[in-house]
Amino acid sequence: MIDCIIVDDEPLALDILENYVGKTPFLNLKGRCNGVSSAMKLLEETHVDLLFLDIQMPDITGLEFSQMLGSDKKVIFTTAFEQYAIEGYKVKAIDYLLKPFNYQDFLSAATRAKEWFEMVQKANKGSAQENAGTTGNALFVKSEYKLLKIELDELLYVEGLKDYVKFYKADGSKPVLSLMSLKSLEEKLPQEQFMRVHRSFIVNLDKIETIQRNLILFDKISIPVAEKYKDAFQEYIKKKFLS
C-alpha cells in the first residue's frame, strides 16, 4: 500500500484526485491539501510515500516544493502545461499528468509509481542479502521514470555526458540513459571489474579483447585511454600480459 497525499489549490481538482485515489486499491490517501503550507504541515505529522502535486500554485510552485522533499518521497505532477514534463524529469518526478486527465491516465501514472516502489524494495532487499554474504552483480538505475536493472556482467562500457550517464551493453541493445554523474557511478562499480580510462568513459575490463596503442576497441567503437589514467591501465595490462 502506498501512502499518498494530493496537493492542489483548486477544490475541483482535489475532488477529482480524491475520487481517483479512492478507486485505486494500492493507494492510501493520507490527506488533501490546498497549498504547500498545509502539505508541509501534513508531512510533519504523518508518513507519506507519494505526492500528487500541482505545479502552478501561489507563493511557491510544485516544482520548488518538490526540491525540498526527501529522497524517500516521490512525486507525480499534475499540470495544465506540457512543457513541465522536462522539468519534472530534472527533479526526478515519477510521472506527470496533463490536465484534464481521466482515470485511465491517473491509473497509468499511479501504476508506474507502484512499480517504482516495488523495485526499490527488491533492490533494498538485495542489498541486505549482499551485506549478509549473498553476491550481487547488478545496478538499479532510473531511466525515463523507470527503475531498470543492469547486470554488470552484461555491461560493456559507460559514457559520461555532462549530467547524464549512458550505459552500453555487450548485446548491442539500446543504451540506457540516466541522470547521474560519472564520478558517483564510478564509486559504486567494483574496481576489480571496471576502470575509468577517460574523463568520459568507464570500461568493463572483463570485456576488453583488443587494444591498439592507446585505444580500447569494442567492435567498431574506440575508447581512448587518457594520459591521466594511462599508468593505472597499463599496470592492469601488465598483470594480464603473458610474455
C-alpha atoms as a PDB file:
ATOM      1  CA  MET A   1       0.000   0.000   0.000  1.00  0.00           C
ATOM      2  CA  ILE A   2       1.350   3.431  -0.983  1.00  0.00           C
ATOM      3  CA  ASP A   3       0.539   6.289   1.398  1.00  0.00           C
ATOM      4  CA  CYS A   4      -0.151   9.432  -0.620  1.00  0.00           C
ATOM      5  CA  ILE A   5      -1.450  12.988  -0.381  1.00  0.00           C
ATOM      6  CA  ILE A   6      -2.958  15.273  -3.021  1.00  0.00           C
ATOM      7  CA  VAL A   7      -1.940  18.923  -3.293  1.00  0.00           C
ATOM      8  CA  ASP A   8      -3.801  21.437  -5.463  1.00  0.00           C
ATOM      9  CA  ASP A   9      -5.181  24.938  -4.947  1.00  0.00           C
ATOM     10  CA  GLU A  10      -8.308  24.136  -6.982  1.00  0.00           C
ATOM     11  CA  PRO A  11     -11.098  22.406  -4.977  1.00  0.00           C
ATOM     12  CA  LEU A  12     -12.476  20.678  -8.080  1.00  0.00           C
ATOM     13  CA  ALA A  13      -9.061  19.225  -8.895  1.00  0.00           C
ATOM     14  CA  LEU A  14      -8.778  17.934  -5.330  1.00  0.00           C
ATOM     15  CA  ASP A  15     -12.202  16.306  -5.599  1.00  0.00           C
ATOM     16  CA  ILE A  16     -11.225  14.552  -8.833  1.00  0.00           C
ATOM     17  CA  LEU A  17      -7.930  13.327  -7.391  1.00  0.00           C
ATOM     18  CA  GLU A  18      -9.576  12.127  -4.185  1.00  0.00           C
ATOM     19  CA  ASN A  19     -12.101  10.164  -6.248  1.00  0.00           C
ATOM     20  CA  TYR A  20      -9.353   8.597  -8.371  1.00  0.00           C
ATOM     21  CA  VAL A  21      -7.240   7.654  -5.336  1.00  0.00           C
ATOM     22  CA  GLY A  22     -10.290   6.063  -3.729  1.00  0.00           C
ATOM     23  CA  LYS A  23     -10.791   3.869  -6.810  1.00  0.00           C
ATOM     24  CA  THR A  24      -7.175   2.640  -6.761  1.00  0.00           C
ATOM     25  CA  PRO A  25      -6.673  -0.307  -4.390  1.00  0.00           C
ATOM     26  CA  PHE A  26      -2.930   0.122  -3.822  1.00  0.00           C
ATOM     27  CA  LEU A  27      -3.193   3.818  -2.835  1.00  0.00           C
ATOM     28  CA  ASN A  28      -3.990   5.042   0.668  1.00  0.00           C
ATOM     29  CA  LEU A  29      -4.988   8.715   0.874  1.00  0.00           C
ATOM     30  CA  LYS A  30      -3.499  10.352   3.979  1.00  0.00           C
ATOM     31  CA  GLY A  31      -4.817  13.835   3.256  1.00  0.00           C
ATOM     32  CA  ARG A  32      -5.757  16.562   0.786  1.00  0.00           C
ATOM     33  CA  CYS A  33      -4.042  19.934   0.825  1.00  0.00           C
ATOM     34  CA  ASN A  34      -4.955  23.209  -0.889  1.00  0.00           C
ATOM     35  CA  GLY A  35      -1.417  24.515  -0.873  1.00  0.00           C
ATOM     36  CA  VAL A  36       2.214  23.932   0.031  1.00  0.00           C
ATOM     37  CA  SER A  37       1.874  25.222   3.600  1.00  0.00           C
ATOM     38  CA  SER A  38      -0.791  22.681   4.527  1.00  0.00           C
ATOM     39  CA  ALA A  39       1.160  19.953   2.712  1.00  0.00           C
ATOM     40  CA  MET A  40       4.315  20.735   4.703  1.00  0.00           C
ATOM     41  CA  LYS A  41       2.377  20.572   7.953  1.00  0.00           C
ATOM     42  CA  LEU A  42       0.802  17.252   6.993  1.00  0.00           C
ATOM     43  CA  LEU A  43       4.186  15.777   6.056  1.00  0.00           C
ATOM     44  CA  GLU A  44       5.433  16.582   9.556  1.00  0.00           C
ATOM     45  CA  GLU A  45       2.516  14.719  11.122  1.00  0.00           C
ATOM     46  CA  THR A  46       2.137  11.591   9.001  1.00  0.00           C
ATOM     47  CA  HIS A  47       4.043   9.135   6.826  1.00  0.00           C
ATOM     48  CA  VAL A  48       3.776   9.827   3.092  1.00  0.00           C
ATOM     49  CA  ASP A  49       5.380   7.956   0.179  1.00  0.00           C
ATOM     50  CA  LEU A  50       3.875   9.751  -2.800  1.00  0.00           C
ATOM     51  CA  LEU A  51       2.542  13.235  -3.596  1.00  0.00           C
ATOM     52  CA  PHE A  52       0.159  14.107  -6.409  1.00  0.00           C
ATOM     53  CA  LEU A  53       1.354  17.673  -6.719  1.00  0.00           C
ATOM     54  CA  ASP A  54       0.028  20.580  -8.765  1.00  0.00           C
ATOM     55  CA  ILE A  55       2.768  22.727 -10.295  1.00  0.00           C
ATOM     56  CA  GLN A  56       1.065  26.101 -10.644  1.00  0.00           C
ATOM     57  CA  MET A  57       0.254  27.275  -7.116  1.00  0.00           C
ATOM     58  CA  PRO A  58       0.535  30.657  -5.376  1.00  0.00           C
ATOM     59  CA  ASP A  59       3.568  31.605  -3.235  1.00  0.00           C
ATOM     60  CA  ILE A  60       5.638  28.524  -4.130  1.00  0.00           C
ATOM     61  CA  THR A  61       5.365  26.242  -7.148  1.00  0.00           C
ATOM     62  CA  GLY A  62       5.098  22.482  -7.031  1.00  0.00           C
ATOM     63  CA  LEU A  63       8.494  22.233  -8.713  1.00  0.00           C
ATOM     64  CA  GLU A  64      10.118  24.336  -5.994  1.00  0.00           C
ATOM     65  CA  PHE A  65       8.355  22.371  -3.268  1.00  0.00           C
ATOM     66  CA  SER A  66       9.423  19.033  -4.755  1.00  0.00           C
ATOM     67  CA  GLN A  67      13.072  20.056  -4.420  1.00  0.00           C
ATOM     68  CA  MET A  68      12.552  20.406  -0.676  1.00  0.00           C
ATOM     69  CA  LEU A  69      11.324  16.844  -0.263  1.00  0.00           C
ATOM     70  CA  GLY A  70      13.455  13.976   1.000  1.00  0.00           C
ATOM     71  CA  SER A  71      14.609  11.242  -1.353  1.00  0.00           C
ATOM     72  CA  ASP A  72      12.163   8.793   0.250  1.00  0.00           C
ATOM     73  CA  LYS A  73       9.195  10.745  -1.113  1.00  0.00           C
ATOM     74  CA  LYS A  74       8.234  10.637  -4.787  1.00  0.00           C
ATOM     75  CA  VAL A  75       6.114  12.983  -6.866  1.00  0.00           C
ATOM     76  CA  ILE A  76       3.586  12.746  -9.673  1.00  0.00           C
ATOM     77  CA  PHE A  77       2.987  16.246 -11.003  1.00  0.00           C
ATOM     78  CA  THR A  78      -0.411  17.455 -12.182  1.00  0.00           C
ATOM     79  CA  THR A  79      -0.231  20.380 -14.590  1.00  0.00           C
ATOM     80  CA  ALA A  80      -2.009  22.107 -17.435  1.00  0.00           C
ATOM     81  CA  PHE A  81       1.288  22.875 -19.161  1.00  0.00           C
ATOM     82  CA  GLU A  82       3.012  20.149 -21.176  1.00  0.00           C
ATOM     83  CA  GLN A  83       6.448  21.797 -21.084  1.00  0.00           C
ATOM     84  CA  TYR A  84       6.726  20.936 -17.397  1.00  0.00           C
ATOM     85  CA  ALA A  85       7.350  17.299 -18.291  1.00  0.00           C
ATOM     86  CA  ILE A  86      11.043  18.067 -18.846  1.00  0.00           C
ATOM     87  CA  GLU A  87      11.264  19.994 -15.585  1.00  0.00           C
ATOM     88  CA  GLY A  88       9.579  17.087 -13.838  1.00  0.00           C
ATOM     89  CA  TYR A  89      12.304  14.759 -15.057  1.00  0.00           C
ATOM     90  CA  LYS A  90      15.007  17.107 -13.732  1.00  0.00           C
ATOM     91  CA  VAL A  91      13.585  16.953 -10.222  1.00  0.00           C
ATOM     92  CA  LYS A  92      13.208  13.174 -10.500  1.00  0.00           C
ATOM     93  CA  ALA A  93       9.434  13.010 -10.612  1.00  0.00           C
ATOM     94  CA  ILE A  94       7.995   9.576 -11.325  1.00  0.00           C
ATOM     95  CA  ASP A  95       5.474  10.940 -13.842  1.00  0.00           C
ATOM     96  CA  TYR A  96       3.275  13.911 -14.708  1.00  0.00           C
ATOM     97  CA  LEU A  97      -0.410  14.173 -15.515  1.00  0.00           C
ATOM     98  CA  LEU A  98      -1.527  16.730 -18.070  1.00  0.00           C
ATOM     99  CA  LYS A  99      -4.843  18.348 -17.125  1.00  0.00           C
ATOM    100  CA  PRO A 100      -7.555  17.464 -17.859  1.00  0.00           C
ATOM    101  CA  PHE A 101      -6.755  13.784 -17.339  1.00  0.00           C
ATOM    102  CA  ASN A 102      -9.066  10.805 -16.927  1.00  0.00           C
ATOM    103  CA  TYR A 103      -8.867   7.855 -14.552  1.00  0.00           C
ATOM    104  CA  GLN A 104      -7.007   5.720 -17.085  1.00  0.00           C
ATOM    105  CA  ASP A 105      -4.246   8.359 -17.254  1.00  0.00           C
ATOM    106  CA  PHE A 106      -4.195   8.587 -13.465  1.00  0.00           C
ATOM    107  CA  LEU A 107      -4.038   4.816 -13.029  1.00  0.00           C
ATOM    108  CA  SER A 108      -1.179   4.546 -15.520  1.00  0.00           C
ATOM    109  CA  ALA A 109       0.876   7.088 -13.545  1.00  0.00           C
ATOM    110  CA  ALA A 110      -0.042   5.512 -10.211  1.00  0.00           C
ATOM    111  CA  THR A 111       0.935   2.065 -11.501  1.00  0.00           C
ATOM    112  CA  ARG A 112       4.289   3.448 -12.559  1.00  0.00           C
ATOM    113  CA  ALA A 113       4.772   4.692  -9.001  1.00  0.00           C
ATOM    114  CA  LYS A 114       3.758   1.269  -7.663  1.00  0.00           C
ATOM    115  CA  GLU A 115       6.352  -0.413  -9.890  1.00  0.00           C
ATOM    116  CA  TRP A 116       8.975   2.078  -8.713  1.00  0.00           C
ATOM    117  CA  PHE A 117       8.376   1.348  -5.030  1.00  0.00           C
ATOM    118  CA  GLU A 118       8.283  -2.408  -5.635  1.00  0.00           C
ATOM    119  CA  MET A 119      11.603  -2.323  -7.468  1.00  0.00           C
ATOM    120  CA  VAL A 120      13.198  -0.179  -4.764  1.00  0.00           C
ATOM    121  CA  GLN A 121      12.031  -2.674  -2.156  1.00  0.00           C
ATOM    122  CA  LYS A 122      13.554  -5.518  -4.164  1.00  0.00           C
ATOM    123  CA  ALA A 123      16.792  -3.560  -4.574  1.00  0.00           C
ATOM    124  CA  ASN A 124      16.958  -2.838  -0.849  1.00  0.00           C
ATOM    125  CA  LYS A 125      16.234  -6.468  -0.069  1.00  0.00           C
ATOM    126  CA  GLY A 126      19.028  -7.487  -2.445  1.00  0.00           C
ATOM    127  CA  SER A 127      21.418  -5.076  -0.721  1.00  0.00           C
ATOM    128  CA  ALA A 128      20.538  -6.545   2.648  1.00  0.00           C
ATOM    129  CA  GLN A 129      21.218 -10.040   1.336  1.00  0.00           C
ATOM    130  CA  GLU A 130      24.530  -8.902  -0.101  1.00  0.00           C
ATOM    131  CA  ASN A 131      25.595  -7.470   3.259  1.00  0.00           C
ATOM    132  CA  ALA A 132      24.733 -10.822   4.756  1.00  0.00           C
ATOM    133  CA  GLY A 133      27.023 -12.598   2.301  1.00  0.00           C
ATOM    134  CA  THR A 134      24.976 -13.064  -0.889  1.00  0.00           C
ATOM    135  CA  THR A 135      26.825 -11.811  -4.000  1.00  0.00           C
ATOM    136  CA  GLY A 136      25.043  -9.193  -6.064  1.00  0.00           C
ATOM    137  CA  ASN A 137      26.270  -8.143  -9.527  1.00  0.00           C
ATOM    138  CA  ALA A 138      23.756  -5.597 -10.756  1.00  0.00           C
ATOM    139  CA  LEU A 139      22.827  -1.924 -10.562  1.00  0.00           C
ATOM    140  CA  PHE A 140      19.409  -0.298 -10.445  1.00  0.00           C
ATOM    141  CA  VAL A 141      19.305   2.976 -12.371  1.00  0.00           C
ATOM    142  CA  LYS A 142      16.493   5.410 -13.101  1.00  0.00           C
ATOM    143  CA  SER A 143      15.737   5.998 -16.772  1.00  0.00           C
ATOM    144  CA  GLU A 144      12.594   7.577 -18.265  1.00  0.00           C
ATOM    145  CA  TYR A 145      10.662   7.365 -14.986  1.00  0.00           C
ATOM    146  CA  LYS A 146      11.547   3.672 -14.594  1.00  0.00           C
ATOM    147  CA  LEU A 147      13.962   1.847 -12.334  1.00  0.00           C
ATOM    148  CA  LEU A 148      15.970  -0.511 -14.543  1.00  0.00           C
ATOM    149  CA  LYS A 149      18.196  -3.384 -13.510  1.00  0.00           C
ATOM    150  CA  ILE A 150      21.527  -3.595 -15.338  1.00  0.00           C
ATOM    151  CA  GLU A 151      23.597  -6.734 -14.936  1.00  0.00           C
ATOM    152  CA  LEU A 152      27.237  -5.714 -14.576  1.00  0.00           C
ATOM    153  CA  ASP A 153      28.453  -8.763 -16.486  1.00  0.00           C
ATOM    154  CA  GLU A 154      26.413  -7.566 -19.482  1.00  0.00           C
ATOM    155  CA  LEU A 155      27.773  -4.017 -19.323  1.00  0.00           C
ATOM    156  CA  LEU A 156      30.366  -3.141 -21.988  1.00  0.00           C
ATOM    157  CA  TYR A 157      31.225   0.461 -21.116  1.00  0.00           C
ATOM    158  CA  VAL A 158      29.719   3.639 -19.699  1.00  0.00           C
ATOM    159  CA  GLU A 159      29.870   7.113 -21.216  1.00  0.00           C
ATOM    160  CA  GLY A 160      29.517  10.342 -19.241  1.00  0.00           C
ATOM    161  CA  LEU A 161      27.579  13.177 -20.897  1.00  0.00           C
ATOM    162  CA  LYS A 162      27.616  16.221 -18.593  1.00  0.00           C
ATOM    163  CA  ASP A 163      24.842  15.474 -16.062  1.00  0.00           C
ATOM    164  CA  TYR A 164      23.912  12.156 -17.667  1.00  0.00           C
ATOM    165  CA  VAL A 165      25.434   8.701 -17.961  1.00  0.00           C
ATOM    166  CA  LYS A 166      24.905   6.300 -20.855  1.00  0.00           C
ATOM    167  CA  PHE A 167      25.133   2.542 -20.258  1.00  0.00           C
ATOM    168  CA  TYR A 168      26.152   0.381 -23.247  1.00  0.00           C
ATOM    169  CA  LYS A 169      25.508  -3.363 -23.113  1.00  0.00           C
ATOM    170  CA  ALA A 170      27.508  -6.078 -24.844  1.00  0.00           C
ATOM    171  CA  ASP A 171      24.411  -7.384 -26.639  1.00  0.00           C
ATOM    172  CA  GLY A 172      24.169  -4.191 -28.696  1.00  0.00           C
ATOM    173  CA  SER A 173      20.758  -3.224 -27.292  1.00  0.00           C
ATOM    174  CA  LYS A 174      19.683   0.402 -26.986  1.00  0.00           C
ATOM    175  CA  PRO A 175      21.860   2.298 -24.460  1.00  0.00           C
ATOM    176  CA  VAL A 176      20.262   3.274 -21.151  1.00  0.00           C
ATOM    177  CA  LEU A 177      20.403   6.988 -20.310  1.00  0.00           C
ATOM    178  CA  SER A 178      20.260   8.053 -16.656  1.00  0.00           C
ATOM    179  CA  LEU A 179      20.595  11.345 -14.781  1.00  0.00           C
ATOM    180  CA  MET A 180      23.745  10.984 -12.644  1.00  0.00           C
ATOM    181  CA  SER A 181      27.444  11.842 -12.673  1.00  0.00           C
ATOM    182  CA  LEU A 182      30.148   9.503 -13.921  1.00  0.00           C
ATOM    183  CA  LYS A 183      32.062  10.088 -10.690  1.00  0.00           C
ATOM    184  CA  SER A 184      29.195   8.921  -8.472  1.00  0.00           C
ATOM    185  CA  LEU A 185      28.772   5.831 -10.668  1.00  0.00           C
ATOM    186  CA  GLU A 186      32.500   5.075 -10.537  1.00  0.00           C
ATOM    187  CA  GLU A 187      32.298   4.893  -6.741  1.00  0.00           C
ATOM    188  CA  LYS A 188      29.544   2.253  -6.938  1.00  0.00           C
ATOM    189  CA  LEU A 189      31.166  -0.045  -9.518  1.00  0.00           C
ATOM    190  CA  PRO A 190      33.511  -2.852  -8.395  1.00  0.00           C
ATOM    191  CA  GLN A 191      37.097  -1.713  -9.055  1.00  0.00           C
ATOM    192  CA  GLU A 192      38.304  -5.191  -9.909  1.00  0.00           C
ATOM    193  CA  GLN A 193      35.927  -5.265 -12.889  1.00  0.00           C
ATOM    194  CA  PHE A 194      35.567  -1.638 -14.002  1.00  0.00           C
ATOM    195  CA  MET A 195      38.133   1.079 -14.633  1.00  0.00           C
ATOM    196  CA  ARG A 196      37.879   4.701 -15.629  1.00  0.00           C
ATOM    197  CA  VAL A 197      40.164   5.264 -18.623  1.00  0.00           C
ATOM    198  CA  HIS A 198      38.991   8.722 -19.684  1.00  0.00           C
ATOM    199  CA  ARG A 199      37.077  11.594 -18.118  1.00  0.00           C
ATOM    200  CA  SER A 200      34.078  10.430 -20.191  1.00  0.00           C
ATOM    201  CA  PHE A 201      34.453   6.627 -20.138  1.00  0.00           C
ATOM    202  CA  ILE A 202      34.453   3.685 -17.746  1.00  0.00           C
ATOM    203  CA  VAL A 203      35.085   0.265 -19.288  1.00  0.00           C
ATOM    204  CA  ASN A 204      34.345  -3.290 -18.224  1.00  0.00           C
ATOM    205  CA  LEU A 205      37.821  -4.816 -18.010  1.00  0.00           C
ATOM    206  CA  ASP A 206      36.434  -8.322 -18.490  1.00  0.00           C
ATOM    207  CA  LYS A 207      35.049  -7.333 -21.908  1.00  0.00           C
ATOM    208  CA  ILE A 208      38.296  -5.968 -23.382  1.00  0.00           C
ATOM    209  CA  GLU A 209      39.536  -8.104 -26.261  1.00  0.00           C
ATOM    210  CA  THR A 210      41.543  -5.670 -28.413  1.00  0.00           C
ATOM    211  CA  ILE A 211      43.887  -2.789 -27.518  1.00  0.00           C
ATOM    212  CA  GLN A 212      45.531  -0.699 -30.227  1.00  0.00           C
ATOM    213  CA  ARG A 213      48.049   1.814 -28.955  1.00  0.00           C
ATOM    214  CA  ASN A 214      46.018   3.995 -26.572  1.00  0.00           C
ATOM    215  CA  LEU A 215      42.652   2.808 -27.791  1.00  0.00           C
ATOM    216  CA  ILE A 216      40.366   0.109 -26.401  1.00  0.00           C
ATOM    217  CA  LEU A 217      38.385  -1.403 -29.261  1.00  0.00           C
ATOM    218  CA  PHE A 218      34.862  -2.732 -28.831  1.00  0.00           C
ATOM    219  CA  ASP A 219      33.905  -3.881 -32.333  1.00  0.00           C
ATOM    220  CA  LYS A 220      33.584  -0.558 -34.221  1.00  0.00           C
ATOM    221  CA  ILE A 221      33.784   1.593 -31.072  1.00  0.00           C
ATOM    222  CA  SER A 222      37.105   3.083 -29.959  1.00  0.00           C
ATOM    223  CA  ILE A 223      37.533   4.185 -26.337  1.00  0.00           C
ATOM    224  CA  PRO A 224      40.598   6.424 -25.774  1.00  0.00           C
ATOM    225  CA  VAL A 225      42.823   5.910 -22.741  1.00  0.00           C
ATOM    226  CA  ALA A 226      43.623   9.407 -21.463  1.00  0.00           C
ATOM    227  CA  GLU A 227      47.048  10.356 -20.151  1.00  0.00           C
ATOM    228  CA  LYS A 228      45.683  10.765 -16.612  1.00  0.00           C
ATOM    229  CA  TYR A 229      44.534   7.128 -16.479  1.00  0.00           C
ATOM    230  CA  LYS A 230      47.255   5.546 -18.643  1.00  0.00           C
ATOM    231  CA  ASP A 231      49.544   4.343 -15.828  1.00  0.00           C
ATOM    232  CA  ALA A 232      46.776   2.512 -13.958  1.00  0.00           C
ATOM    233  CA  PHE A 233      45.514   0.917 -17.152  1.00  0.00           C
ATOM    234  CA  GLN A 234      48.978  -0.192 -18.268  1.00  0.00           C
ATOM    235  CA  GLU A 235      49.597  -1.670 -14.829  1.00  0.00           C
ATOM    236  CA  TYR A 236      46.431  -3.735 -15.220  1.00  0.00           C
ATOM    237  CA  ILE A 237      47.537  -4.921 -18.678  1.00  0.00           C
ATOM    238  CA  LYS A 238      50.983  -5.924 -17.359  1.00  0.00           C
ATOM    239  CA  LYS A 239      49.334  -8.177 -14.789  1.00  0.00           C
ATOM    240  CA  LYS A 240      47.358  -9.905 -17.552  1.00  0.00           C
ATOM    241  CA  PHE A 241      50.122  -9.988 -20.159  1.00  0.00           C
ATOM    242  CA  LEU A 242      51.741 -13.319 -20.954  1.00  0.00           C
ATOM    243  CA  SER A 243      55.261 -12.910 -22.305  1.00  0.00           C
END
